[in-house]
């Protein structure tokens, strides 16, 4: 099964992206992990290593997809 990680900060832009994009992923094909970086600051380094610059963002099979713009990672520190 492929892995999908959705990073967000809980802002309205992030919540909207989660509702529309994450819910649309085929759960038979993707194991989806949702990480709220505002609550799990220990995951910031993981997000940066994956190539995340801002949230909301989706890492799908190792590819980073930046969705709209809710917050820069630097604002979450």
Protein backbone atom coordinates (compact mmCIF):
# COMPACT_ATOMS: atom_id res chain seq x y z
CA UNK A 1 0.00 0.00 0.00
CA UNK A 2 1.25 3.49 -0.86
CA UNK A 3 1.71 6.16 1.80
CA UNK A 4 0.14 9.63 1.83
CA UNK A 5 0.94 12.19 4.52
CA UNK A 6 -1.16 15.34 4.85
CA UNK A 7 0.51 18.13 6.83
CA UNK A 8 -1.56 21.03 8.13
CA UNK A 9 -1.78 23.65 10.87
CA UNK A 10 -5.49 23.60 11.61
CA UNK A 11 -6.25 26.89 9.84
CA UNK A 12 -9.42 27.25 7.71
CA UNK A 13 -7.43 26.75 4.48
CA UNK A 14 -5.94 23.53 5.87
CA UNK A 15 -9.26 22.19 7.11
CA UNK A 16 -10.88 22.85 3.75
CA UNK A 17 -8.03 21.08 1.94
CA UNK A 18 -8.29 18.10 4.28
CA UNK A 19 -12.02 17.82 3.73
CA UNK A 20 -11.79 17.94 -0.06
CA UNK A 21 -8.46 16.37 -0.95
CA UNK A 22 -7.68 13.84 1.75
CA UNK A 23 -11.23 12.53 1.76
CA UNK A 24 -10.98 12.01 -2.01
CA UNK A 25 -7.94 9.70 -1.76
CA UNK A 26 -8.57 6.06 -2.48
CA UNK A 27 -8.12 4.45 0.96
CA UNK A 28 -7.72 1.07 -0.73
CA UNK A 29 -4.60 2.39 -2.44
CA UNK A 30 -3.20 4.84 0.13
CA UNK A 31 -2.44 4.58 3.82
CA UNK A 32 -3.18 8.17 4.88
CA UNK A 33 -1.54 9.86 7.85
CA UNK A 34 -2.72 13.32 8.91
CA UNK A 35 -0.25 15.45 10.87
CA UNK A 36 -1.35 18.67 12.57
CA UNK A 37 1.96 20.55 12.87
CA UNK A 38 0.49 23.07 15.28
CA UNK A 39 -0.07 20.24 17.76
CA UNK A 40 2.89 18.02 16.81
CA UNK A 41 5.82 20.40 16.51
CA UNK A 42 8.19 17.43 16.81
CA UNK A 43 7.11 16.52 13.25
CA UNK A 44 8.36 19.84 11.76
CA UNK A 45 11.79 18.37 10.95
CA UNK A 46 10.13 15.42 9.22
CA UNK A 47 8.01 17.81 7.16
CA UNK A 48 11.05 19.90 6.19
CA UNK A 49 13.01 16.79 5.24
CA UNK A 50 10.14 15.76 2.96
CA UNK A 51 10.36 19.14 1.19
CA UNK A 52 7.38 20.88 2.78
CA UNK A 53 7.66 24.68 2.64
CA UNK A 54 4.11 25.62 3.66
CA UNK A 55 0.90 23.97 4.74
CA UNK A 56 -1.44 22.52 3.79
CA UNK A 57 0.65 20.05 1.85
CA UNK A 58 0.34 16.45 0.82
CA UNK A 59 3.23 14.03 0.38
CA UNK A 60 2.05 11.37 -2.03
CA UNK A 61 4.44 8.56 -2.89
CA UNK A 62 7.34 10.85 -1.92
CA UNK A 63 6.15 13.77 -4.05
CA UNK A 64 5.25 17.03 -2.30
CA UNK A 65 2.04 18.72 -3.36
CA UNK A 66 1.62 22.20 -1.87
CA UNK A 67 -2.06 23.06 -1.66
CA UNK A 68 -3.11 26.71 -1.55
CA UNK A 69 -1.23 28.59 1.21
CA UNK A 70 -2.23 28.53 4.85
CA UNK A 71 1.09 29.11 6.66
CA UNK A 72 4.82 28.85 6.10
CA UNK A 73 6.57 26.21 8.20
CA UNK A 74 8.65 28.96 9.80
CA UNK A 75 5.46 30.42 11.29
CA UNK A 76 4.76 27.14 13.09
CA UNK A 77 7.95 27.12 15.15
